[in-house]
Amino acid sequence: MRSQHGQFRLVALDGTHTLLEGATWYQDYFWPQAYWRALSDAIVHRVHIRVLEHVKQQAEAEVLKH
């Protein structure tokens, strides 16, 4: 599996809340691809959750400092 592109997107929800979305485009090199696709998607999803949780913790820690 190789990541080809990734992005974060901030979406304003209201005056005090923001949604952070993450996306990754990747190429699978496992065969048959139809068999491995669900597992690959699950792995990428877990990585997204871990990264977004870390970003959330860092952002909330900054708010508490001020």
C-alpha atoms as a PDB file:
ATOM      1  CA  MET A   1       0.000   0.000   0.000  1.00  0.00           C
ATOM      2  CA  ARG A   2       1.368   3.438  -0.896  1.00  0.00           C
ATOM      3  CA  SER A   3      -0.119   6.790   0.046  1.00  0.00           C
ATOM      4  CA  GLN A   4      -0.465   9.070  -2.965  1.00  0.00           C
ATOM      5  CA  HIS A   5      -2.049  12.164  -1.442  1.00  0.00           C
ATOM      6  CA  GLY A   6      -3.530  13.322   1.846  1.00  0.00           C
ATOM      7  CA  GLN A   7      -5.368  16.357   3.123  1.00  0.00           C
ATOM      8  CA  PHE A   8      -6.919  17.944   6.180  1.00  0.00           C
ATOM      9  CA  ARG A   9      -9.974  20.144   5.855  1.00  0.00           C
ATOM     10  CA  LEU A  10     -11.392  22.506   8.461  1.00  0.00           C
ATOM     11  CA  VAL A  11     -15.156  23.044   8.353  1.00  0.00           C
ATOM     12  CA  ALA A  12     -16.717  25.827  10.463  1.00  0.00           C
ATOM     13  CA  LEU A  13     -19.751  24.466  12.316  1.00  0.00           C
ATOM     14  CA  ASP A  14     -20.722  27.522  14.352  1.00  0.00           C
ATOM     15  CA  GLY A  15     -19.047  30.346  16.238  1.00  0.00           C
ATOM     16  CA  THR A  16     -17.118  28.053  18.583  1.00  0.00           C
ATOM     17  CA  HIS A  17     -16.818  24.669  16.868  1.00  0.00           C
ATOM     18  CA  THR A  18     -14.815  23.415  13.907  1.00  0.00           C
ATOM     19  CA  LEU A  19     -14.865  20.011  12.249  1.00  0.00           C
ATOM     20  CA  LEU A  20     -11.504  18.579  11.151  1.00  0.00           C
ATOM     21  CA  GLU A  21     -11.713  16.053   8.320  1.00  0.00           C
ATOM     22  CA  GLY A  22      -8.870  13.926   7.021  1.00  0.00           C
ATOM     23  CA  ALA A  23      -8.611  12.072   3.714  1.00  0.00           C
ATOM     24  CA  THR A  24      -5.976   9.863   2.116  1.00  0.00           C
ATOM     25  CA  TRP A  25      -5.743   8.594  -1.424  1.00  0.00           C
ATOM     26  CA  TYR A  26      -3.684   5.448  -1.745  1.00  0.00           C
ATOM     27  CA  GLN A  27      -2.827   2.622  -4.113  1.00  0.00           C
ATOM     28  CA  ASP A  28      -3.098  -1.006  -3.065  1.00  0.00           C
ATOM     29  CA  TYR A  29      -0.555  -3.449  -4.406  1.00  0.00           C
ATOM     30  CA  PHE A  30      -2.148  -6.523  -2.846  1.00  0.00           C
ATOM     31  CA  TRP A  31      -3.869  -9.035  -5.089  1.00  0.00           C
ATOM     32  CA  PRO A  32      -6.674  -9.693  -5.541  1.00  0.00           C
ATOM     33  CA  GLN A  33      -7.517  -6.044  -4.847  1.00  0.00           C
ATOM     34  CA  ALA A  34     -11.221  -6.713  -4.322  1.00  0.00           C
ATOM     35  CA  TYR A  35     -10.325  -9.050  -1.460  1.00  0.00           C
ATOM     36  CA  TRP A  36      -7.877  -6.686   0.276  1.00  0.00           C
ATOM     37  CA  ARG A  37      -9.742  -3.399  -0.234  1.00  0.00           C
ATOM     38  CA  ALA A  38     -11.878  -3.640   2.932  1.00  0.00           C
ATOM     39  CA  LEU A  39      -8.823  -4.405   5.087  1.00  0.00           C
ATOM     40  CA  SER A  40      -6.828  -1.575   3.501  1.00  0.00           C
ATOM     41  CA  ASP A  41      -9.677   0.874   4.052  1.00  0.00           C
ATOM     42  CA  ALA A  42      -9.938  -0.215   7.699  1.00  0.00           C
ATOM     43  CA  ILE A  43      -6.200   0.332   8.231  1.00  0.00           C
ATOM     44  CA  VAL A  44      -6.324   3.811   6.686  1.00  0.00           C
ATOM     45  CA  HIS A  45      -9.398   4.644   8.766  1.00  0.00           C
ATOM     46  CA  ARG A  46      -7.581   3.637  11.982  1.00  0.00           C
ATOM     47  CA  VAL A  47      -4.624   5.836  11.024  1.00  0.00           C
ATOM     48  CA  HIS A  48      -7.004   8.761  10.408  1.00  0.00           C
ATOM     49  CA  ILE A  49      -8.659   8.287  13.797  1.00  0.00           C
ATOM     50  CA  ARG A  50      -5.298   8.177  15.563  1.00  0.00           C
ATOM     51  CA  VAL A  51      -3.986  11.298  13.819  1.00  0.00           C
ATOM     52  CA  LEU A  52      -7.212  13.272  14.268  1.00  0.00           C
ATOM     53  CA  GLU A  53      -7.404  12.344  17.973  1.00  0.00           C
ATOM     54  CA  HIS A  54      -3.822  13.551  18.417  1.00  0.00           C
ATOM     55  CA  VAL A  55      -4.611  16.842  16.658  1.00  0.00           C
ATOM     56  CA  LYS A  56      -7.691  17.230  18.869  1.00  0.00           C
ATOM     57  CA  GLN A  57      -5.669  16.676  22.047  1.00  0.00           C
ATOM     58  CA  GLN A  58      -3.045  19.207  20.953  1.00  0.00           C
ATOM     59  CA  ALA A  59      -5.654  21.820  20.026  1.00  0.00           C
ATOM     60  CA  GLU A  60      -7.559  21.384  23.285  1.00  0.00           C
ATOM     61  CA  ALA A  61      -4.327  21.581  25.295  1.00  0.00           C
ATOM     62  CA  GLU A  62      -3.531  24.914  23.586  1.00  0.00           C
ATOM     63  CA  VAL A  63      -6.969  26.279  24.486  1.00  0.00           C
ATOM     64  CA  LEU A  64      -6.465  25.338  28.146  1.00  0.00           C
ATOM     65  CA  LYS A  65      -3.110  27.170  28.235  1.00  0.00           C
ATOM     66  CA  HIS A  66      -4.735  30.485  27.328  1.00  0.00           C
END
